[in-house]
Amino acid sequence: RAWVALDHPRGAPGVAFLYDIEVLPERRGEGLGRALLQAVEAETR
């Protein structure tokens, strides 16, 4: 899961803020963290 604010909480222009990102405990160790982060970055972009 992930939670992104498209407007930075301190008003930084053009900067989104990642409040939460986590791979489910039962899926950890499969190399999914980096892939999830990249998918979140792409969606934010």
All heavy atoms as atom14 arrays in JSON, in Angstrom:
{
  "sequence": "RAWVALDHPRGAPGVAFLYDIEVLPERRGEGLGRALLQAVEAETR",
  "atom14_mask": [
    [1, 1, 1, 1, 1, 1, 1, 1, 1, 1, 1, 0, 0, 0],
    [1, 1, 1, 1, 1, 0, 0, 0, 0, 0, 0, 0, 0, 0],
    [1, 1, 1, 1, 1, 1, 1, 1, 1, 1, 1, 1, 1, 1],
    [1, 1, 1, 1, 1, 1, 1, 0, 0, 0, 0, 0, 0, 0],
    [1, 1, 1, 1, 1, 0, 0, 0, 0, 0, 0, 0, 0, 0],
    [1, 1, 1, 1, 1, 1, 1, 1, 0, 0, 0, 0, 0, 0],
    [1, 1, 1, 1, 1, 1, 1, 1, 0, 0, 0, 0, 0, 0],
    [1, 1, 1, 1, 1, 1, 1, 1, 1, 1, 0, 0, 0, 0],
    [1, 1, 1, 1, 1, 1, 1, 0, 0, 0, 0, 0, 0, 0],
    [1, 1, 1, 1, 1, 1, 1, 1, 1, 1, 1, 0, 0, 0],
    [1, 1, 1, 1, 0, 0, 0, 0, 0, 0, 0, 0, 0, 0],
    [1, 1, 1, 1, 1, 0, 0, 0, 0, 0, 0, 0, 0, 0],
    [1, 1, 1, 1, 1, 1, 1, 0, 0, 0, 0, 0, 0, 0],
    [1, 1, 1, 1, 0, 0, 0, 0, 0, 0, 0, 0, 0, 0],
    [1, 1, 1, 1, 1, 1, 1, 0, 0, 0, 0, 0, 0, 0],
    [1, 1, 1, 1, 1, 0, 0, 0, 0, 0, 0, 0, 0, 0],
    [1, 1, 1, 1, 1, 1, 1, 1, 1, 1, 1, 0, 0, 0],
    [1, 1, 1, 1, 1, 1, 1, 1, 0, 0, 0, 0, 0, 0],
    [1, 1, 1, 1, 1, 1, 1, 1, 1, 1, 1, 1, 0, 0],
    [1, 1, 1, 1, 1, 1, 1, 1, 0, 0, 0, 0, 0, 0],
    [1, 1, 1, 1, 1, 1, 1, 1, 0, 0, 0, 0, 0, 0],
    [1, 1, 1, 1, 1, 1, 1, 1, 1, 0, 0, 0, 0, 0],
    [1, 1, 1, 1, 1, 1, 1, 0, 0, 0, 0, 0, 0, 0],
    [1, 1, 1, 1, 1, 1, 1, 1, 0, 0, 0, 0, 0, 0],
    [1, 1, 1, 1, 1, 1, 1, 0, 0, 0, 0, 0, 0, 0],
    [1, 1, 1, 1, 1, 1, 1, 1, 1, 0, 0, 0, 0, 0],
    [1, 1, 1, 1, 1, 1, 1, 1, 1, 1, 1, 0, 0, 0],
    [1, 1, 1, 1, 1, 1, 1, 1, 1, 1, 1, 0, 0, 0],
    [1, 1, 1, 1, 0, 0, 0, 0, 0, 0, 0, 0, 0, 0],
    [1, 1, 1, 1, 1, 1, 1, 1, 1, 0, 0, 0, 0, 0],
    [1, 1, 1, 1, 0, 0, 0, 0, 0, 0, 0, 0, 0, 0],
    [1, 1, 1, 1, 1, 1, 1, 1, 0, 0, 0, 0, 0, 0],
    [1, 1, 1, 1, 0, 0, 0, 0, 0, 0, 0, 0, 0, 0],
    [1, 1, 1, 1, 1, 1, 1, 1, 1, 1, 1, 0, 0, 0],
    [1, 1, 1, 1, 1, 0, 0, 0, 0, 0, 0, 0, 0, 0],
    [1, 1, 1, 1, 1, 1, 1, 1, 0, 0, 0, 0, 0, 0],
    [1, 1, 1, 1, 1, 1, 1, 1, 0, 0, 0, 0, 0, 0],
    [1, 1, 1, 1, 1, 1, 1, 1, 1, 0, 0, 0, 0, 0],
    [1, 1, 1, 1, 1, 0, 0, 0, 0, 0, 0, 0, 0, 0],
    [1, 1, 1, 1, 1, 1, 1, 0, 0, 0, 0, 0, 0, 0],
    [1, 1, 1, 1, 1, 1, 1, 1, 1, 0, 0, 0, 0, 0],
    [1, 1, 1, 1, 1, 0, 0, 0, 0, 0, 0, 0, 0, 0],
    [1, 1, 1, 1, 1, 1, 1, 1, 1, 0, 0, 0, 0, 0],
    [1, 1, 1, 1, 1, 1, 1, 0, 0, 0, 0, 0, 0, 0],
    [1, 1, 1, 1, 1, 1, 1, 1, 1, 1, 1, 0, 0, 0]
  ],
  "atom14_positions": [
    [[0.85, -1.19, 0.0], [0.0, 0.0, 0.0], [0.89, 1.24, 0.0], [2.07, 1.17, 0.32], [-0.88, 0.0, 1.23], [-0.02, 0.11, 2.49], [-0.79, -0.14, 3.74], [0.05, 0.16, 4.9], [-0.08, -0.42, 6.06], [-1.01, -1.32, 6.24], [0.71, -0.08, 7.06], [0.0, 0.0, 0.0], [0.0, 0.0, 0.0], [0.0, 0.0, 0.0]],
    [[0.27, 2.37, -0.34], [0.99, 3.64, -0.29], [-0.02, 4.77, -0.19], [-1.16, 4.66, -0.64], [1.85, 3.83, -1.53], [0.0, 0.0, 0.0], [0.0, 0.0, 0.0], [0.0, 0.0, 0.0], [0.0, 0.0, 0.0], [0.0, 0.0, 0.0], [0.0, 0.0, 0.0], [0.0, 0.0, 0.0], [0.0, 0.0, 0.0], [0.0, 0.0, 0.0]],
    [[0.43, 5.88, 0.41], [-0.39, 7.08, 0.55], [0.48, 8.28, 0.2], [1.52, 8.5, 0.82], [-0.91, 7.15, 1.97], [-1.58, 8.43, 2.37], [-2.12, 9.39, 1.55], [-1.81, 8.89, 3.7], [-2.66, 10.41, 2.29], [-2.48, 10.12, 3.62], [-1.5, 8.37, 4.94], [-2.85, 10.84, 4.74], [-1.87, 9.09, 6.07], [-2.55, 10.31, 5.97]],
    [[0.05, 9.02, -0.81], [0.78, 10.19, -1.29], [-0.13, 11.41, -1.29], [-1.24, 11.35, -1.81], [1.32, 9.97, -2.73], [2.0, 11.23, -3.25], [2.25, 8.77, -2.78], [0.0, 0.0, 0.0], [0.0, 0.0, 0.0], [0.0, 0.0, 0.0], [0.0, 0.0, 0.0], [0.0, 0.0, 0.0], [0.0, 0.0, 0.0], [0.0, 0.0, 0.0]],
    [[0.36, 12.51, -0.72], [-0.31, 13.8, -0.85], [0.3, 14.5, -2.05], [1.52, 14.65, -2.13], [-0.1, 14.64, 0.41], [0.0, 0.0, 0.0], [0.0, 0.0, 0.0], [0.0, 0.0, 0.0], [0.0, 0.0, 0.0], [0.0, 0.0, 0.0], [0.0, 0.0, 0.0], [0.0, 0.0, 0.0], [0.0, 0.0, 0.0], [0.0, 0.0, 0.0]],
    [[-0.53, 14.9, -2.99], [-0.01, 15.59, -4.17], [0.41, 17.02, -3.87], [1.17, 17.62, -4.64], [-1.05, 15.54, -5.29], [-1.34, 14.13, -5.81], [-2.51, 14.15, -6.79], [-0.1, 13.51, -6.45], [0.0, 0.0, 0.0], [0.0, 0.0, 0.0], [0.0, 0.0, 0.0], [0.0, 0.0, 0.0], [0.0, 0.0, 0.0], [0.0, 0.0, 0.0]],
    [[-0.08, 17.56, -2.76], [0.33, 18.88, -2.29], [1.16, 18.68, -1.03], [0.69, 18.08, -0.06], [-0.88, 19.76, -1.99], [-1.73, 19.99, -3.23], [-1.16, 20.28, -4.3], [-2.97, 19.88, -3.13], [0.0, 0.0, 0.0], [0.0, 0.0, 0.0], [0.0, 0.0, 0.0], [0.0, 0.0, 0.0], [0.0, 0.0, 0.0], [0.0, 0.0, 0.0]],
    [[2.38, 19.18, -1.04], [3.3, 19.01, 0.09], [2.71, 19.67, 1.34], [2.16, 20.77, 1.27], [4.65, 19.64, -0.27], [5.74, 19.26, 0.66], [5.89, 19.84, 1.9], [6.73, 18.35, 0.54], [6.93, 19.31, 2.5], [7.46, 18.39, 1.69], [0.0, 0.0, 0.0], [0.0, 0.0, 0.0], [0.0, 0.0, 0.0], [0.0, 0.0, 0.0]],
    [[2.81, 19.01, 2.5], [2.21, 19.57, 3.73], [2.81, 20.92, 4.15], [2.16, 21.68, 4.87], [2.46, 18.5, 4.79], [3.47, 17.58, 4.22], [3.41, 17.71, 2.73], [0.0, 0.0, 0.0], [0.0, 0.0, 0.0], [0.0, 0.0, 0.0], [0.0, 0.0, 0.0], [0.0, 0.0, 0.0], [0.0, 0.0, 0.0], [0.0, 0.0, 0.0]],
    [[4.02, 21.22, 3.71], [4.62, 22.51, 4.03], [4.68, 23.43, 2.82], [5.37, 24.44, 2.83], [6.01, 22.31, 4.65], [5.93, 21.7, 6.06], [7.28, 21.46, 6.7], [8.15, 20.54, 5.98], [8.01, 19.21, 5.94], [7.01, 18.64, 6.58], [8.85, 18.46, 5.27], [0.0, 0.0, 0.0], [0.0, 0.0, 0.0], [0.0, 0.0, 0.0]],
    [[3.92, 23.08, 1.78], [3.75, 23.96, 0.64], [4.86, 23.98, -0.39], [4.88, 24.88, -1.23], [0.0, 0.0, 0.0], [0.0, 0.0, 0.0], [0.0, 0.0, 0.0], [0.0, 0.0, 0.0], [0.0, 0.0, 0.0], [0.0, 0.0, 0.0], [0.0, 0.0, 0.0], [0.0, 0.0, 0.0], [0.0, 0.0, 0.0], [0.0, 0.0, 0.0]],
    [[5.79, 23.03, -0.38], [6.86, 23.02, -1.38], [6.24, 22.85, -2.77], [5.56, 21.85, -3.03], [7.85, 21.89, -1.09], [0.0, 0.0, 0.0], [0.0, 0.0, 0.0], [0.0, 0.0, 0.0], [0.0, 0.0, 0.0], [0.0, 0.0, 0.0], [0.0, 0.0, 0.0], [0.0, 0.0, 0.0], [0.0, 0.0, 0.0], [0.0, 0.0, 0.0]],
    [[6.45, 23.79, -3.67], [5.81, 23.72, -4.99], [6.31, 22.54, -5.82], [7.5, 22.29, -5.91], [6.18, 25.06, -5.64], [7.31, 25.61, -4.86], [7.28, 24.97, -3.5], [0.0, 0.0, 0.0], [0.0, 0.0, 0.0], [0.0, 0.0, 0.0], [0.0, 0.0, 0.0], [0.0, 0.0, 0.0], [0.0, 0.0, 0.0], [0.0, 0.0, 0.0]],
    [[5.35, 21.83, -6.41], [5.67, 20.71, -7.29], [6.13, 19.45, -6.59], [6.47, 18.47, -7.23], [0.0, 0.0, 0.0], [0.0, 0.0, 0.0], [0.0, 0.0, 0.0], [0.0, 0.0, 0.0], [0.0, 0.0, 0.0], [0.0, 0.0, 0.0], [0.0, 0.0, 0.0], [0.0, 0.0, 0.0], [0.0, 0.0, 0.0], [0.0, 0.0, 0.0]],
    [[6.14, 19.47, -5.25], [6.65, 18.34, -4.48], [5.49, 17.62, -3.79], [4.77, 18.21, -2.99], [7.69, 18.79, -3.43], [8.22, 17.58, -2.65], [8.84, 19.55, -4.09], [0.0, 0.0, 0.0], [0.0, 0.0, 0.0], [0.0, 0.0, 0.0], [0.0, 0.0, 0.0], [0.0, 0.0, 0.0], [0.0, 0.0, 0.0], [0.0, 0.0, 0.0]],
    [[5.33, 16.35, -4.11], [4.34, 15.49, -3.44], [5.01, 14.92, -2.19], [6.23, 14.96, -2.03], [3.88, 14.38, -4.36], [0.0, 0.0, 0.0], [0.0, 0.0, 0.0], [0.0, 0.0, 0.0], [0.0, 0.0, 0.0], [0.0, 0.0, 0.0], [0.0, 0.0, 0.0], [0.0, 0.0, 0.0], [0.0, 0.0, 0.0], [0.0, 0.0, 0.0]],
    [[4.19, 14.38, -1.28], [4.71, 13.85, -0.02], [4.19, 12.44, 0.21], [2.98, 12.2, 0.2], [4.32, 14.74, 1.16], [5.05, 14.4, 2.42], [6.32, 14.87, 2.67], [4.46, 13.57, 3.36], [7.01, 14.54, 3.83], [5.13, 13.22, 4.52], [6.41, 13.71, 4.76], [0.0, 0.0, 0.0], [0.0, 0.0, 0.0], [0.0, 0.0, 0.0]],
    [[5.12, 11.51, 0.41], [4.78, 10.11, 0.66], [4.58, 9.91, 2.16], [5.54, 9.92, 2.92], [5.92, 9.21, 0.14], [5.74, 7.7, 0.31], [4.58, 7.19, -0.53], [7.03, 6.99, -0.09], [0.0, 0.0, 0.0], [0.0, 0.0, 0.0], [0.0, 0.0, 0.0], [0.0, 0.0, 0.0], [0.0, 0.0, 0.0], [0.0, 0.0, 0.0]],
    [[3.34, 9.74, 2.56], [3.03, 9.54, 3.98], [3.26, 8.1, 4.42], [3.63, 7.86, 5.56], [1.57, 9.91, 4.28], [1.32, 11.37, 4.47], [0.71, 12.14, 3.48], [1.68, 12.01, 5.65], [0.46, 13.49, 3.66], [1.44, 13.36, 5.84], [0.83, 14.09, 4.84], [0.6, 15.43, 5.02], [0.0, 0.0, 0.0], [0.0, 0.0, 0.0]],
    [[2.99, 7.16, 3.53], [3.07, 5.76, 3.93], [3.35, 4.9, 2.71], [2.8, 5.15, 1.63], [1.76, 5.31, 4.58], [1.78, 3.88, 5.08], [2.72, 3.52, 5.82], [0.88, 3.1, 4.72], [0.0, 0.0, 0.0], [0.0, 0.0, 0.0], [0.0, 0.0, 0.0], [0.0, 0.0, 0.0], [0.0, 0.0, 0.0], [0.0, 0.0, 0.0]],
    [[4.2, 3.91, 2.89], [4.42, 2.88, 1.88], [4.85, 1.64, 2.64], [5.67, 1.71, 3.56], [5.46, 3.29, 0.82], [5.53, 2.23, -0.3], [6.81, 3.57, 1.44], [6.28, 2.7, -1.53], [0.0, 0.0, 0.0], [0.0, 0.0, 0.0], [0.0, 0.0, 0.0], [0.0, 0.0, 0.0], [0.0, 0.0, 0.0], [0.0, 0.0, 0.0]],
    [[4.25, 0.52, 2.28], [4.59, -0.71, 2.99], [4.22, -1.93, 2.15], [3.15, -1.97, 1.54], [3.84, -0.77, 4.32], [4.26, -1.92, 5.18], [3.7, -1.86, 6.6], [2.91, -0.97, 6.9], [4.07, -2.75, 7.39], [0.0, 0.0, 0.0], [0.0, 0.0, 0.0], [0.0, 0.0, 0.0], [0.0, 0.0, 0.0], [0.0, 0.0, 0.0]],
    [[5.13, -2.88, 2.14], [4.85, -4.18, 1.55], [4.2, -5.04, 2.64], [4.63, -4.99, 3.8], [6.15, -4.84, 1.02], [5.89, -6.28, 0.58], [6.73, -4.02, -0.13], [0.0, 0.0, 0.0], [0.0, 0.0, 0.0], [0.0, 0.0, 0.0], [0.0, 0.0, 0.0], [0.0, 0.0, 0.0], [0.0, 0.0, 0.0], [0.0, 0.0, 0.0]],
    [[3.18, -5.77, 2.3], [2.5, -6.63, 3.27], [3.51, -7.59, 3.9], [4.38, -8.12, 3.2], [1.38, -7.43, 2.59], [0.25, -6.6, 1.99], [-0.7, -7.5, 1.2], [-0.49, -5.82, 3.05], [0.0, 0.0, 0.0], [0.0, 0.0, 0.0], [0.0, 0.0, 0.0], [0.0, 0.0, 0.0], [0.0, 0.0, 0.0], [0.0, 0.0, 0.0]],
    [[3.4, -7.85, 5.2], [4.39, -8.72, 5.88], [4.58, -10.07, 5.19], [5.71, -10.55, 5.07], [3.81, -8.88, 7.28], [2.98, -7.66, 7.49], [2.42, -7.32, 6.13], [0.0, 0.0, 0.0], [0.0, 0.0, 0.0], [0.0, 0.0, 0.0], [0.0, 0.0, 0.0], [0.0, 0.0, 0.0], [0.0, 0.0, 0.0], [0.0, 0.0, 0.0]],
    [[3.51, -10.66, 4.72], [3.61, -12.0, 4.1], [4.25, -11.96, 2.72], [4.58, -13.0, 2.16], [2.24, -12.68, 4.04], [1.21, -11.97, 3.19], [0.39, -10.9, 3.91], [0.8, -10.43, 4.99], [-0.67, -10.54, 3.36], [0.0, 0.0, 0.0], [0.0, 0.0, 0.0], [0.0, 0.0, 0.0], [0.0, 0.0, 0.0], [0.0, 0.0, 0.0]],
    [[4.46, -10.77, 2.15], [5.08, -10.64, 0.82], [6.5, -10.04, 0.89], [7.12, -9.81, -0.14], [4.2, -9.77, -0.09], [2.81, -10.3, -0.38], [2.78, -11.64, -1.11], [3.52, -11.68, -2.35], [3.0, -11.49, -3.56], [1.72, -11.24, -3.71], [3.78, -11.58, -4.63], [0.0, 0.0, 0.0], [0.0, 0.0, 0.0], [0.0, 0.0, 0.0]],
    [[6.98, -9.79, 2.09], [8.33, -9.22, 2.22], [9.38, -10.25, 1.85], [9.16, -11.45, 1.96], [8.55, -8.71, 3.65], [7.68, -7.51, 3.93], [7.86, -6.95, 5.3], [6.84, -5.92, 5.49], [6.38, -5.5, 6.65], [6.87, -6.03, 7.76], [5.46, -4.57, 6.72], [0.0, 0.0, 0.0], [0.0, 0.0, 0.0], [0.0, 0.0, 0.0]],
    [[10.53, -9.75, 1.4], [11.62, -10.64, 1.01], [11.54, -11.1, -0.44], [12.34, -11.92, -0.87], [0.0, 0.0, 0.0], [0.0, 0.0, 0.0], [0.0, 0.0, 0.0], [0.0, 0.0, 0.0], [0.0, 0.0, 0.0], [0.0, 0.0, 0.0], [0.0, 0.0, 0.0], [0.0, 0.0, 0.0], [0.0, 0.0, 0.0], [0.0, 0.0, 0.0]],
    [[10.58, -10.59, -1.19], [10.41, -10.98, -2.59], [10.92, -9.9, -3.55], [10.7, -10.0, -4.76], [8.92, -11.25, -2.89], [8.33, -12.39, -2.1], [6.84, -12.59, -2.41], [6.44, -12.39, -3.57], [6.09, -12.92, -1.48], [0.0, 0.0, 0.0], [0.0, 0.0, 0.0], [0.0, 0.0, 0.0], [0.0, 0.0, 0.0], [0.0, 0.0, 0.0]],
    [[11.53, -8.84, -3.03], [12.01, -7.76, -3.88], [10.91, -6.82, -4.34], [11.06, -6.12, -5.34], [0.0, 0.0, 0.0], [0.0, 0.0, 0.0], [0.0, 0.0, 0.0], [0.0, 0.0, 0.0], [0.0, 0.0, 0.0], [0.0, 0.0, 0.0], [0.0, 0.0, 0.0], [0.0, 0.0, 0.0], [0.0, 0.0, 0.0], [0.0, 0.0, 0.0]],
    [[9.81, -6.78, -3.6], [8.67, -5.97, -4.01], [8.73, -4.52, -3.55], [8.05, -3.66, -4.12], [7.38, -6.62, -3.49], [7.07, -8.0, -4.06], [5.97, -8.68, -3.27], [6.71, -7.89, -5.53], [0.0, 0.0, 0.0], [0.0, 0.0, 0.0], [0.0, 0.0, 0.0], [0.0, 0.0, 0.0], [0.0, 0.0, 0.0], [0.0, 0.0, 0.0]],
    [[9.53, -4.21, -2.54], [9.6, -2.85, -2.02], [10.03, -1.84, -3.06], [9.39, -0.81, -3.26], [0.0, 0.0, 0.0], [0.0, 0.0, 0.0], [0.0, 0.0, 0.0], [0.0, 0.0, 0.0], [0.0, 0.0, 0.0], [0.0, 0.0, 0.0], [0.0, 0.0, 0.0], [0.0, 0.0, 0.0], [0.0, 0.0, 0.0], [0.0, 0.0, 0.0]],
    [[11.11, -2.14, -3.75], [11.61, -1.24, -4.79], [10.6, -1.12, -5.93], [10.36, -0.03, -6.45], [12.95, -1.73, -5.32], [13.55, -0.81, -6.38], [14.95, -1.24, -6.78], [15.84, -1.42, -5.64], [16.44, -0.42, -4.99], [16.26, 0.81, -5.38], [17.23, -0.68, -3.96], [0.0, 0.0, 0.0], [0.0, 0.0, 0.0], [0.0, 0.0, 0.0]],
    [[9.99, -2.24, -6.32], [9.01, -2.21, -7.4], [7.78, -1.39, -7.0], [7.25, -0.63, -7.82], [8.59, -3.64, -7.77], [0.0, 0.0, 0.0], [0.0, 0.0, 0.0], [0.0, 0.0, 0.0], [0.0, 0.0, 0.0], [0.0, 0.0, 0.0], [0.0, 0.0, 0.0], [0.0, 0.0, 0.0], [0.0, 0.0, 0.0], [0.0, 0.0, 0.0]],
    [[7.34, -1.52, -5.76], [6.2, -0.73, -5.29], [6.57, 0.75, -5.28], [5.79, 1.59, -5.73], [5.77, -1.19, -3.89], [4.64, -0.4, -3.25], [3.37, -0.41, -4.11], [4.33, -0.95, -1.85], [0.0, 0.0, 0.0], [0.0, 0.0, 0.0], [0.0, 0.0, 0.0], [0.0, 0.0, 0.0], [0.0, 0.0, 0.0], [0.0, 0.0, 0.0]],
    [[7.75, 1.08, -4.78], [8.19, 2.47, -4.75], [8.22, 3.05, -6.17], [7.74, 4.17, -6.4], [9.56, 2.58, -4.09], [10.15, 3.99, -3.96], [9.25, 4.89, -3.13], [11.55, 3.91, -3.34], [0.0, 0.0, 0.0], [0.0, 0.0, 0.0], [0.0, 0.0, 0.0], [0.0, 0.0, 0.0], [0.0, 0.0, 0.0], [0.0, 0.0, 0.0]],
    [[8.72, 2.31, -7.13], [8.76, 2.79, -8.51], [7.36, 2.99, -9.08], [7.12, 3.97, -9.8], [9.57, 1.84, -9.39], [11.05, 1.91, -9.11], [11.86, 0.93, -9.95], [11.33, 0.01, -10.56], [13.17, 1.14, -9.97], [0.0, 0.0, 0.0], [0.0, 0.0, 0.0], [0.0, 0.0, 0.0], [0.0, 0.0, 0.0], [0.0, 0.0, 0.0]],
    [[6.44, 2.1, -8.77], [5.06, 2.25, -9.25], [4.4, 3.48, -8.64], [3.67, 4.2, -9.33], [4.25, 0.98, -8.94], [0.0, 0.0, 0.0], [0.0, 0.0, 0.0], [0.0, 0.0, 0.0], [0.0, 0.0, 0.0], [0.0, 0.0, 0.0], [0.0, 0.0, 0.0], [0.0, 0.0, 0.0], [0.0, 0.0, 0.0], [0.0, 0.0, 0.0]],
    [[4.67, 3.72, -7.37], [4.12, 4.9, -6.69], [4.71, 6.17, -7.29], [4.0, 7.15, -7.54], [4.37, 4.81, -5.17], [4.06, 6.14, -4.48], [3.55, 3.68, -4.56], [0.0, 0.0, 0.0], [0.0, 0.0, 0.0], [0.0, 0.0, 0.0], [0.0, 0.0, 0.0], [0.0, 0.0, 0.0], [0.0, 0.0, 0.0], [0.0, 0.0, 0.0]],
    [[6.01, 6.17, -7.53], [6.66, 7.33, -8.15], [6.05, 7.62, -9.53], [5.78, 8.78, -9.86], [8.16, 7.09, -8.29], [8.9, 7.07, -6.98], [10.33, 6.58, -7.1], [10.71, 6.0, -8.15], [11.09, 6.76, -6.13], [0.0, 0.0, 0.0], [0.0, 0.0, 0.0], [0.0, 0.0, 0.0], [0.0, 0.0, 0.0], [0.0, 0.0, 0.0]],
    [[5.84, 6.58, -10.32], [5.27, 6.75, -11.66], [3.86, 7.34, -11.58], [3.52, 8.25, -12.35], [5.25, 5.42, -12.41], [0.0, 0.0, 0.0], [0.0, 0.0, 0.0], [0.0, 0.0, 0.0], [0.0, 0.0, 0.0], [0.0, 0.0, 0.0], [0.0, 0.0, 0.0], [0.0, 0.0, 0.0], [0.0, 0.0, 0.0], [0.0, 0.0, 0.0]],
    [[3.05, 6.85, -10.67], [1.69, 7.37, -10.51], [1.71, 8.83, -10.04], [0.94, 9.66, -10.51], [0.9, 6.51, -9.53], [-0.55, 6.89, -9.4], [-1.36, 6.66, -10.68], [-0.94, 5.9, -11.55], [-2.44, 7.29, -10.79], [0.0, 0.0, 0.0], [0.0, 0.0, 0.0], [0.0, 0.0, 0.0], [0.0, 0.0, 0.0], [0.0, 0.0, 0.0]],
    [[2.62, 9.13, -9.13], [2.75, 10.5, -8.62], [3.18, 11.44, -9.75], [2.66, 12.55, -9.88], [3.76, 10.52, -7.45], [3.3, 9.61, -6.43], [3.88, 11.91, -6.85], [0.0, 0.0, 0.0], [0.0, 0.0, 0.0], [0.0, 0.0, 0.0], [0.0, 0.0, 0.0], [0.0, 0.0, 0.0], [0.0, 0.0, 0.0], [0.0, 0.0, 0.0]],
    [[4.11, 11.0, -10.56], [4.56, 11.79, -11.72], [3.41, 12.01, -12.69], [3.22, 13.11, -13.21], [5.71, 11.06, -12.42], [6.46, 11.88, -13.44], [7.66, 11.14, -14.05], [8.49, 10.47, -13.06], [8.59, 9.14, -12.89], [7.9, 8.31, -13.64], [9.36, 8.61, -11.97], [0.0, 0.0, 0.0], [0.0, 0.0, 0.0], [0.0, 0.0, 0.0]]
  ]
}
